[in-house]
């Protein structure tokens, strides 16, 4: 579940950040549906979103290259913060701005 962590208002400027553990885009129904994560991020309307459990391994499946997909579909810039580096791809944290 996503949670807005900070909403700071200074001189009529607003900066909103959120933290969201996406669990590899796997929902409570145990299905990998990255488009659901995109919907939540878009609904949050945050300036920056810190993500946890992002799968970025190459492949044709829905669980592949999640960070690239999320950045593309939200129109945000991605910064990877991989915590597990494997030959088949990376896994870990990320920031969308």
PDB file of N, CA and C in Angstrom:
ATOM      1  N   UNK A   1       0.843  -1.168   0.000  1.00  0.00           N
ATOM      2  CA  UNK A   1       0.000   0.000   0.000  1.00  0.00           C
ATOM      3  C   UNK A   1       0.888   1.231   0.000  1.00  0.00           C
ATOM      4  N   UNK A   2       0.551   2.194  -0.773  1.00  0.00           N
ATOM      5  CA  UNK A   2       1.319   3.426  -0.861  1.00  0.00           C
ATOM      6  C   UNK A   2       0.912   4.370   0.266  1.00  0.00           C
ATOM      7  N   UNK A   3       1.865   5.165   0.692  1.00  0.00           N
ATOM      8  CA  UNK A   3       1.580   6.124   1.749  1.00  0.00           C
ATOM      9  C   UNK A   3       2.303   7.423   1.452  1.00  0.00           C
ATOM     10  N   UNK A   4       1.562   8.513   1.458  1.00  0.00           N
ATOM     11  CA  UNK A   4       2.221   9.803   1.279  1.00  0.00           C
ATOM     12  C   UNK A   4       3.019  10.102   2.540  1.00  0.00           C
ATOM     13  N   UNK A   5       4.285  10.401   2.358  1.00  0.00           N
ATOM     14  CA  UNK A   5       5.147  10.611   3.495  1.00  0.00           C
ATOM     15  C   UNK A   5       5.340  12.058   3.866  1.00  0.00           C
ATOM     16  N   UNK A   6       5.219  12.978   2.903  1.00  0.00           N
ATOM     17  CA  UNK A   6       5.512  14.367   3.209  1.00  0.00           C
ATOM     18  C   UNK A   6       4.779  15.261   2.227  1.00  0.00           C
ATOM     19  N   UNK A   7       4.115  16.261   2.743  1.00  0.00           N
ATOM     20  CA  UNK A   7       3.462  17.283   1.931  1.00  0.00           C
ATOM     21  C   UNK A   7       3.892  18.619   2.516  1.00  0.00           C
ATOM     22  N   UNK A   8       4.840  19.260   1.875  1.00  0.00           N
ATOM     23  CA  UNK A   8       5.404  20.493   2.389  1.00  0.00           C
ATOM     24  C   UNK A   8       4.942  21.664   1.545  1.00  0.00           C
ATOM     25  N   UNK A   9       4.402  22.685   2.184  1.00  0.00           N
ATOM     26  CA  UNK A   9       3.957  23.871   1.482  1.00  0.00           C
ATOM     27  C   UNK A   9       4.792  25.057   1.938  1.00  0.00           C
ATOM     28  N   UNK A  10       5.512  25.669   1.005  1.00  0.00           N
ATOM     29  CA  UNK A  10       6.335  26.839   1.274  1.00  0.00           C
ATOM     30  C   UNK A  10       6.057  27.879   0.190  1.00  0.00           C
ATOM     31  N   UNK A  11       5.602  29.053   0.587  1.00  0.00           N
ATOM     32  CA  UNK A  11       5.352  30.130  -0.362  1.00  0.00           C
ATOM     33  C   UNK A  11       4.525  29.661  -1.553  1.00  0.00           C
ATOM     34  N   UNK A  12       3.435  28.983  -1.281  1.00  0.00           N
ATOM     35  CA  UNK A  12       2.515  28.495  -2.308  1.00  0.00           C
ATOM     36  C   UNK A  12       3.108  27.416  -3.216  1.00  0.00           C
ATOM     37  N   UNK A  13       4.234  26.823  -2.837  1.00  0.00           N
ATOM     38  CA  UNK A  13       4.799  25.712  -3.583  1.00  0.00           C
ATOM     39  C   UNK A  13       4.562  24.443  -2.793  1.00  0.00           C
ATOM     40  N   UNK A  14       4.254  23.379  -3.496  1.00  0.00           N
ATOM     41  CA  UNK A  14       3.920  22.118  -2.857  1.00  0.00           C
ATOM     42  C   UNK A  14       4.839  21.033  -3.395  1.00  0.00           C
ATOM     43  N   UNK A  15       5.410  20.231  -2.508  1.00  0.00           N
ATOM     44  CA  UNK A  15       6.242  19.095  -2.897  1.00  0.00           C
ATOM     45  C   UNK A  15       5.737  17.880  -2.128  1.00  0.00           C
ATOM     46  N   UNK A  16       5.286  16.877  -2.858  1.00  0.00           N
ATOM     47  CA  UNK A  16       4.697  15.693  -2.241  1.00  0.00           C
ATOM     48  C   UNK A  16       5.515  14.471  -2.617  1.00  0.00           C
ATOM     49  N   UNK A  17       5.869  13.677  -1.597  1.00  0.00           N
ATOM     50  CA  UNK A  17       6.577  12.425  -1.837  1.00  0.00           C
ATOM     51  C   UNK A  17       5.780  11.275  -1.234  1.00  0.00           C
ATOM     52  N   UNK A  18       6.015  10.086  -1.776  1.00  0.00           N
ATOM     53  CA  UNK A  18       5.362   8.884  -1.260  1.00  0.00           C
ATOM     54  C   UNK A  18       6.366   7.750  -1.219  1.00  0.00           C
ATOM     55  N   UNK A  19       6.078   6.780  -0.399  1.00  0.00           N
ATOM     56  CA  UNK A  19       6.852   5.551  -0.316  1.00  0.00           C
ATOM     57  C   UNK A  19       5.895   4.403  -0.615  1.00  0.00           C
ATOM     58  N   UNK A  20       6.313   3.501  -1.483  1.00  0.00           N
ATOM     59  CA  UNK A  20       5.402   2.452  -1.952  1.00  0.00           C
ATOM     60  C   UNK A  20       6.174   1.155  -2.149  1.00  0.00           C
ATOM     61  N   UNK A  21       5.858   0.128  -1.350  1.00  0.00           N
ATOM     62  CA  UNK A  21       6.428  -1.199  -1.539  1.00  0.00           C
ATOM     63  C   UNK A  21       5.550  -1.915  -2.557  1.00  0.00           C
ATOM     64  N   UNK A  22       6.055  -2.057  -3.775  1.00  0.00           N
ATOM     65  CA  UNK A  22       5.240  -2.622  -4.854  1.00  0.00           C
ATOM     66  C   UNK A  22       5.264  -4.153  -4.883  1.00  0.00           C
ATOM     67  N   UNK A  23       6.073  -4.772  -4.053  1.00  0.00           N
ATOM     68  CA  UNK A  23       6.139  -6.239  -3.952  1.00  0.00           C
ATOM     69  C   UNK A  23       6.296  -6.902  -5.318  1.00  0.00           C
ATOM     70  N   UNK A  24       7.160  -6.321  -6.169  1.00  0.00           N
ATOM     71  CA  UNK A  24       7.376  -6.897  -7.491  1.00  0.00           C
ATOM     72  C   UNK A  24       6.136  -6.822  -8.365  1.00  0.00           C
ATOM     73  N   UNK A  25       5.254  -5.874  -8.080  1.00  0.00           N
ATOM     74  CA  UNK A  25       3.979  -5.671  -8.807  1.00  0.00           C
ATOM     75  C   UNK A  25       3.008  -6.836  -8.621  1.00  0.00           C
ATOM     76  N   UNK A  26       3.202  -7.617  -7.573  1.00  0.00           N
ATOM     77  CA  UNK A  26       2.311  -8.744  -7.289  1.00  0.00           C
ATOM     78  C   UNK A  26       1.311  -8.312  -6.229  1.00  0.00           C
ATOM     79  N   UNK A  27       0.018  -8.406  -6.581  1.00  0.00           N
ATOM     80  CA  UNK A  27      -1.052  -7.980  -5.687  1.00  0.00           C
ATOM     81  C   UNK A  27      -1.493  -9.074  -4.731  1.00  0.00           C
ATOM     82  N   UNK A  28      -2.509  -8.766  -3.949  1.00  0.00           N
ATOM     83  CA  UNK A  28      -3.054  -9.741  -3.004  1.00  0.00           C
ATOM     84  C   UNK A  28      -3.637 -10.954  -3.712  1.00  0.00           C
ATOM     85  N   UNK A  29      -3.978 -10.795  -4.987  1.00  0.00           N
ATOM     86  CA  UNK A  29      -4.495 -11.918  -5.770  1.00  0.00           C
ATOM     87  C   UNK A  29      -3.372 -12.781  -6.345  1.00  0.00           C
ATOM     88  N   UNK A  30      -2.119 -12.448  -5.990  1.00  0.00           N
ATOM     89  CA  UNK A  30      -0.916 -13.166  -6.403  1.00  0.00           C
ATOM     90  C   UNK A  30      -0.630 -13.056  -7.902  1.00  0.00           C
ATOM     91  N   UNK A  31      -1.214 -12.058  -8.545  1.00  0.00           N
ATOM     92  CA  UNK A  31      -0.970 -11.826  -9.966  1.00  0.00           C
ATOM     93  C   UNK A  31      -0.052 -10.618 -10.140  1.00  0.00           C
ATOM     94  N   UNK A  32       0.840 -10.734 -11.093  1.00  0.00           N
ATOM     95  CA  UNK A  32       1.755  -9.643 -11.406  1.00  0.00           C
ATOM     96  C   UNK A  32       1.078  -8.738 -12.435  1.00  0.00           C
ATOM     97  N   UNK A  33       0.695  -7.534 -11.979  1.00  0.00           N
ATOM     98  CA  UNK A  33       0.013  -6.585 -12.856  1.00  0.00           C
ATOM     99  C   UNK A  33       0.601  -5.192 -12.635  1.00  0.00           C
ATOM    100  N   UNK A  34       1.685  -4.882 -13.339  1.00  0.00           N
ATOM    101  CA  UNK A  34       2.322  -3.576 -13.182  1.00  0.00           C
ATOM    102  C   UNK A  34       1.379  -2.408 -13.469  1.00  0.00           C
ATOM    103  N   UNK A  35       0.391  -2.604 -14.311  1.00  0.00           N
ATOM    104  CA  UNK A  35      -0.544  -1.518 -14.621  1.00  0.00           C
ATOM    105  C   UNK A  35      -1.319  -1.070 -13.386  1.00  0.00           C
ATOM    106  N   UNK A  36      -1.526  -1.953 -12.406  1.00  0.00           N
ATOM    107  CA  UNK A  36      -2.178  -1.550 -11.153  1.00  0.00           C
ATOM    108  C   UNK A  36      -1.292  -0.591 -10.373  1.00  0.00           C
ATOM    109  N   UNK A  37       0.009  -0.862 -10.386  1.00  0.00           N
ATOM    110  CA  UNK A  37       0.956   0.002  -9.684  1.00  0.00           C
ATOM    111  C   UNK A  37       0.989   1.378 -10.353  1.00  0.00           C
ATOM    112  N   UNK A  38       0.956   1.399 -11.673  1.00  0.00           N
ATOM    113  CA  UNK A  38       0.915   2.663 -12.414  1.00  0.00           C
ATOM    114  C   UNK A  38      -0.314   3.464 -12.002  1.00  0.00           C
ATOM    115  N   UNK A  39      -1.446   2.803 -11.897  1.00  0.00           N
ATOM    116  CA  UNK A  39      -2.692   3.485 -11.521  1.00  0.00           C
ATOM    117  C   UNK A  39      -2.564   4.130 -10.137  1.00  0.00           C
ATOM    118  N   UNK A  40      -2.003   3.405  -9.190  1.00  0.00           N
ATOM    119  CA  UNK A  40      -1.835   3.935  -7.830  1.00  0.00           C
ATOM    120  C   UNK A  40      -0.886   5.131  -7.849  1.00  0.00           C
ATOM    121  N   UNK A  41       0.250   4.999  -8.535  1.00  0.00           N
ATOM    122  CA  UNK A  41       1.215   6.099  -8.586  1.00  0.00           C
ATOM    123  C   UNK A  41       0.576   7.342  -9.205  1.00  0.00           C
ATOM    124  N   UNK A  42      -0.160   7.152 -10.278  1.00  0.00           N
ATOM    125  CA  UNK A  42      -0.823   8.293 -10.915  1.00  0.00           C
ATOM    126  C   UNK A  42      -1.868   8.925 -10.006  1.00  0.00           C
ATOM    127  N   UNK A  43      -2.591   8.116  -9.244  1.00  0.00           N
ATOM    128  CA  UNK A  43      -3.606   8.642  -8.329  1.00  0.00           C
ATOM    129  C   UNK A  43      -2.969   9.424  -7.172  1.00  0.00           C
ATOM    130  N   UNK A  44      -1.775   9.028  -6.760  1.00  0.00           N
ATOM    131  CA  UNK A  44      -1.083   9.737  -5.684  1.00  0.00           C
ATOM    132  C   UNK A  44      -0.697  11.149  -6.095  1.00  0.00           C
ATOM    133  N   UNK A  45      -0.443  11.350  -7.372  1.00  0.00           N
ATOM    134  CA  UNK A  45      -0.076  12.661  -7.905  1.00  0.00           C
ATOM    135  C   UNK A  45       1.078  13.280  -7.109  1.00  0.00           C
ATOM    136  N   UNK A  46       2.120  12.481  -6.861  1.00  0.00           N
ATOM    137  CA  UNK A  46       3.279  12.928  -6.094  1.00  0.00           C
ATOM    138  C   UNK A  46       4.372  13.458  -7.021  1.00  0.00           C
ATOM    139  N   UNK A  47       5.233  14.271  -6.453  1.00  0.00           N
ATOM    140  CA  UNK A  47       6.393  14.768  -7.183  1.00  0.00           C
ATOM    141  C   UNK A  47       7.494  13.701  -7.239  1.00  0.00           C
ATOM    142  N   UNK A  48       7.569  12.883  -6.227  1.00  0.00           N
ATOM    143  CA  UNK A  48       8.566  11.817  -6.152  1.00  0.00           C
ATOM    144  C   UNK A  48       7.958  10.618  -5.421  1.00  0.00           C
ATOM    145  N   UNK A  49       8.296   9.429  -5.902  1.00  0.00           N
ATOM    146  CA  UNK A  49       7.811   8.197  -5.272  1.00  0.00           C
ATOM    147  C   UNK A  49       9.007   7.277  -5.051  1.00  0.00           C
ATOM    148  N   UNK A  50       9.242   6.914  -3.780  1.00  0.00           N
ATOM    149  CA  UNK A  50      10.285   5.955  -3.441  1.00  0.00           C
ATOM    150  C   UNK A  50       9.654   4.567  -3.500  1.00  0.00           C
ATOM    151  N   UNK A  51      10.242   3.694  -4.291  1.00  0.00           N
ATOM    152  CA  UNK A  51       9.696   2.346  -4.478  1.00  0.00           C
ATOM    153  C   UNK A  51      10.603   1.304  -3.843  1.00  0.00           C
ATOM    154  N   UNK A  52       9.985   0.262  -3.317  1.00  0.00           N
ATOM    155  CA  UNK A  52      10.717  -0.878  -2.795  1.00  0.00           C
ATOM    156  C   UNK A  52      10.244  -2.131  -3.534  1.00  0.00           C
ATOM    157  N   UNK A  53      11.121  -3.125  -3.586  1.00  0.00           N
ATOM    158  CA  UNK A  53      10.872  -4.428  -4.204  1.00  0.00           C
ATOM    159  C   UNK A  53      10.516  -4.303  -5.681  1.00  0.00           C
ATOM    160  N   UNK A  54      11.393  -3.603  -6.410  1.00  0.00           N
ATOM    161  CA  UNK A  54      11.234  -3.417  -7.851  1.00  0.00           C
ATOM    162  C   UNK A  54      12.088  -4.451  -8.574  1.00  0.00           C
ATOM    163  N   UNK A  55      11.473  -5.213  -9.461  1.00  0.00           N
ATOM    164  CA  UNK A  55      12.164  -6.236 -10.230  1.00  0.00           C
ATOM    165  C   UNK A  55      12.571  -5.637 -11.572  1.00  0.00           C
ATOM    166  N   UNK A  56      13.846  -5.696 -11.899  1.00  0.00           N
ATOM    167  CA  UNK A  56      14.321  -5.135 -13.160  1.00  0.00           C
ATOM    168  C   UNK A  56      15.168  -6.140 -13.930  1.00  0.00           C
ATOM    169  N   UNK A  57      14.662  -7.337 -14.038  1.00  0.00           N
ATOM    170  CA  UNK A  57      15.373  -8.329 -14.839  1.00  0.00           C
ATOM    171  C   UNK A  57      14.790  -8.331 -16.251  1.00  0.00           C
ATOM    172  N   UNK A  58      15.616  -8.547 -17.248  1.00  0.00           N
ATOM    173  CA  UNK A  58      15.130  -8.547 -18.620  1.00  0.00           C
ATOM    174  C   UNK A  58      14.258  -9.766 -18.908  1.00  0.00           C
ATOM    175  N   UNK A  59      13.365  -9.608 -19.863  1.00  0.00           N
ATOM    176  CA  UNK A  59      12.515 -10.715 -20.285  1.00  0.00           C
ATOM    177  C   UNK A  59      11.174 -10.227 -20.785  1.00  0.00           C
ATOM    178  N   UNK A  60      10.407 -11.117 -21.383  1.00  0.00           N
ATOM    179  CA  UNK A  60       9.122 -10.742 -21.985  1.00  0.00           C
ATOM    180  C   UNK A  60       7.945 -10.771 -21.007  1.00  0.00           C
ATOM    181  N   UNK A  61       8.185 -11.146 -19.780  1.00  0.00           N
ATOM    182  CA  UNK A  61       7.094 -11.332 -18.827  1.00  0.00           C
ATOM    183  C   UNK A  61       6.694 -10.023 -18.149  1.00  0.00           C
ATOM    184  N   UNK A  62       5.518 -10.018 -17.514  1.00  0.00           N
ATOM    185  CA  UNK A  62       5.007  -8.821 -16.832  1.00  0.00           C
ATOM    186  C   UNK A  62       5.908  -8.396 -15.681  1.00  0.00           C
ATOM    187  N   UNK A  63       6.668  -9.339 -15.134  1.00  0.00           N
ATOM    188  CA  UNK A  63       7.526  -8.988 -14.000  1.00  0.00           C
ATOM    189  C   UNK A  63       8.919  -8.539 -14.437  1.00  0.00           C
ATOM    190  N   UNK A  64       9.145  -8.368 -15.736  1.00  0.00           N
ATOM    191  CA  UNK A  64      10.464  -7.946 -16.205  1.00  0.00           C
ATOM    192  C   UNK A  64      10.528  -6.439 -16.399  1.00  0.00           C
ATOM    193  N   UNK A  65      11.687  -5.882 -16.178  1.00  0.00           N
ATOM    194  CA  UNK A  65      11.980  -4.465 -16.405  1.00  0.00           C
ATOM    195  C   UNK A  65      10.910  -3.532 -15.840  1.00  0.00           C
ATOM    196  N   UNK A  66      10.517  -3.785 -14.600  1.00  0.00           N
ATOM    197  CA  UNK A  66       9.437  -3.025 -13.971  1.00  0.00           C
ATOM    198  C   UNK A  66       9.747  -1.541 -13.850  1.00  0.00           C
ATOM    199  N   UNK A  67      10.974  -1.188 -13.508  1.00  0.00           N
ATOM    200  CA  UNK A  67      11.297   0.218 -13.330  1.00  0.00           C
ATOM    201  C   UNK A  67      11.154   0.978 -14.646  1.00  0.00           C
ATOM    202  N   UNK A  68      11.633   0.407 -15.722  1.00  0.00           N
ATOM    203  CA  UNK A  68      11.485   1.054 -17.034  1.00  0.00           C
ATOM    204  C   UNK A  68      10.012   1.221 -17.387  1.00  0.00           C
ATOM    205  N   UNK A  69       9.230   0.190 -17.145  1.00  0.00           N
ATOM    206  CA  UNK A  69       7.797   0.243 -17.445  1.00  0.00           C
ATOM    207  C   UNK A  69       7.093   1.313 -16.605  1.00  0.00           C
ATOM    208  N   UNK A  70       7.352   1.322 -15.309  1.00  0.00           N
ATOM    209  CA  UNK A  70       6.694   2.284 -14.420  1.00  0.00           C
ATOM    210  C   UNK A  70       7.063   3.721 -14.794  1.00  0.00           C
ATOM    211  N   UNK A  71       8.317   3.955 -15.110  1.00  0.00           N
ATOM    212  CA  UNK A  71       8.742   5.298 -15.507  1.00  0.00           C
ATOM    213  C   UNK A  71       8.052   5.715 -16.804  1.00  0.00           C
ATOM    214  N   UNK A  72       8.021   4.825 -17.752  1.00  0.00           N
ATOM    215  CA  UNK A  72       7.402   5.128 -19.046  1.00  0.00           C
ATOM    216  C   UNK A  72       5.914   5.430 -18.905  1.00  0.00           C
ATOM    217  N   UNK A  73       5.210   4.612 -18.150  1.00  0.00           N
ATOM    218  CA  UNK A  73       3.758   4.743 -18.029  1.00  0.00           C
ATOM    219  C   UNK A  73       3.316   5.892 -17.130  1.00  0.00           C
ATOM    220  N   UNK A  74       4.184   6.337 -16.227  1.00  0.00           N
ATOM    221  CA  UNK A  74       3.831   7.459 -15.354  1.00  0.00           C
ATOM    222  C   UNK A  74       4.389   8.779 -15.862  1.00  0.00           C
ATOM    223  N   UNK A  75       5.297   8.718 -16.840  1.00  0.00           N
ATOM    224  CA  UNK A  75       5.924   9.922 -17.346  1.00  0.00           C
ATOM    225  C   UNK A  75       6.950  10.504 -16.393  1.00  0.00           C
ATOM    226  N   UNK A  76       7.452   9.661 -15.493  1.00  0.00           N
ATOM    227  CA  UNK A  76       8.424  10.117 -14.500  1.00  0.00           C
ATOM    228  C   UNK A  76       9.815   9.607 -14.873  1.00  0.00           C
ATOM    229  N   UNK A  77      10.832  10.222 -14.285  1.00  0.00           N
ATOM    230  CA  UNK A  77      12.213   9.793 -14.466  1.00  0.00           C
ATOM    231  C   UNK A  77      12.553   8.760 -13.395  1.00  0.00           C
ATOM    232  N   UNK A  78      13.290   7.729 -13.778  1.00  0.00           N
ATOM    233  CA  UNK A  78      13.626   6.642 -12.854  1.00  0.00           C
ATOM    234  C   UNK A  78      15.084   6.707 -12.423  1.00  0.00           C
ATOM    235  N   UNK A  79      15.289   6.438 -11.136  1.00  0.00           N
ATOM    236  CA  UNK A  79      16.632   6.305 -10.582  1.00  0.00           C
ATOM    237  C   UNK A  79      16.659   4.982  -9.825  1.00  0.00           C
ATOM    238  N   UNK A  80      17.461   4.050 -10.310  1.00  0.00           N
ATOM    239  CA  UNK A  80      17.535   2.724  -9.692  1.00  0.00           C
ATOM    240  C   UNK A  80      18.396   2.768  -8.440  1.00  0.00           C
ATOM    241  N   UNK A  81      18.008   1.991  -7.466  1.00  0.00           N
ATOM    242  CA  UNK A  81      18.775   1.813  -6.237  1.00  0.00           C
ATOM    243  C   UNK A  81      18.802   0.342  -5.911  1.00  0.00           C
ATOM    244  N   UNK A  82      19.298  -0.434  -6.856  1.00  0.00           N
ATOM    245  CA  UNK A  82      19.281  -1.888  -6.725  1.00  0.00           C
ATOM    246  C   UNK A  82      20.008  -2.348  -5.475  1.00  0.00           C
ATOM    247  N   UNK A  83      19.417  -3.305  -4.796  1.00  0.00           N
ATOM    248  CA  UNK A  83      20.028  -3.868  -3.593  1.00  0.00           C
ATOM    249  C   UNK A  83      20.502  -5.301  -3.817  1.00  0.00           C
ATOM    250  N   UNK A  84      19.943  -5.953  -4.826  1.00  0.00           N
ATOM    251  CA  UNK A  84      20.362  -7.311  -5.175  1.00  0.00           C
ATOM    252  C   UNK A  84      20.761  -7.295  -6.651  1.00  0.00           C
ATOM    253  N   UNK A  85      22.026  -7.581  -6.910  1.00  0.00           N
ATOM    254  CA  UNK A  85      22.534  -7.602  -8.278  1.00  0.00           C
ATOM    255  C   UNK A  85      22.832  -9.046  -8.659  1.00  0.00           C
ATOM    256  N   UNK A  86      22.134  -9.517  -9.678  1.00  0.00           N
ATOM    257  CA  UNK A  86      22.320 -10.898 -10.143  1.00  0.00           C
ATOM    258  C   UNK A  86      22.576 -10.885 -11.639  1.00  0.00           C
ATOM    259  N   UNK A  87      23.089 -11.990 -12.145  1.00  0.00           N
ATOM    260  CA  UNK A  87      23.360 -12.058 -13.582  1.00  0.00           C
ATOM    261  C   UNK A  87      22.067 -11.972 -14.407  1.00  0.00           C
ATOM    262  N   UNK A  88      20.931 -12.366 -13.857  1.00  0.00           N
ATOM    263  CA  UNK A  88      19.671 -12.300 -14.600  1.00  0.00           C
ATOM    264  C   UNK A  88      18.934 -10.971 -14.423  1.00  0.00           C
ATOM    265  N   UNK A  89      19.497 -10.044 -13.648  1.00  0.00           N
ATOM    266  CA  UNK A  89      18.890  -8.729 -13.493  1.00  0.00           C
ATOM    267  C   UNK A  89      18.966  -8.214 -12.072  1.00  0.00           C
ATOM    268  N   UNK A  90      18.466  -6.990 -11.885  1.00  0.00           N
ATOM    269  CA  UNK A  90      18.545  -6.327 -10.598  1.00  0.00           C
ATOM    270  C   UNK A  90      17.198  -6.312  -9.888  1.00  0.00           C
ATOM    271  N   UNK A  91      17.266  -6.113  -8.574  1.00  0.00           N
ATOM    272  CA  UNK A  91      16.065  -6.092  -7.729  1.00  0.00           C
ATOM    273  C   UNK A  91      16.344  -5.140  -6.580  1.00  0.00           C
ATOM    274  N   UNK A  92      15.343  -4.387  -6.179  1.00  0.00           N
ATOM    275  CA  UNK A  92      15.558  -3.545  -5.010  1.00  0.00           C
ATOM    276  C   UNK A  92      14.738  -2.282  -5.015  1.00  0.00           C
ATOM    277  N   UNK A  93      15.376  -1.170  -4.697  1.00  0.00           N
ATOM    278  CA  UNK A  93      14.708   0.115  -4.513  1.00  0.00           C
ATOM    279  C   UNK A  93      14.832   0.975  -5.758  1.00  0.00           C
ATOM    280  N   UNK A  94      14.000   1.999  -5.809  1.00  0.00           N
ATOM    281  CA  UNK A  94      14.056   2.949  -6.924  1.00  0.00           C
ATOM    282  C   UNK A  94      13.362   4.238  -6.519  1.00  0.00           C
ATOM    283  N   UNK A  95      13.623   5.258  -7.287  1.00  0.00           N
ATOM    284  CA  UNK A  95      12.984   6.542  -7.087  1.00  0.00           C
ATOM    285  C   UNK A  95      12.430   7.016  -8.415  1.00  0.00           C
ATOM    286  N   UNK A  96      11.166   7.416  -8.414  1.00  0.00           N
ATOM    287  CA  UNK A  96      10.550   8.040  -9.586  1.00  0.00           C
ATOM    288  C   UNK A  96      10.351   9.507  -9.259  1.00  0.00           C
ATOM    289  N   UNK A  97      10.789  10.382 -10.159  1.00  0.00           N
ATOM    290  CA  UNK A  97      10.629  11.826  -9.948  1.00  0.00           C
ATOM    291  C   UNK A  97       9.986  12.463 -11.157  1.00  0.00           C
TER     292      UNK A  97
END
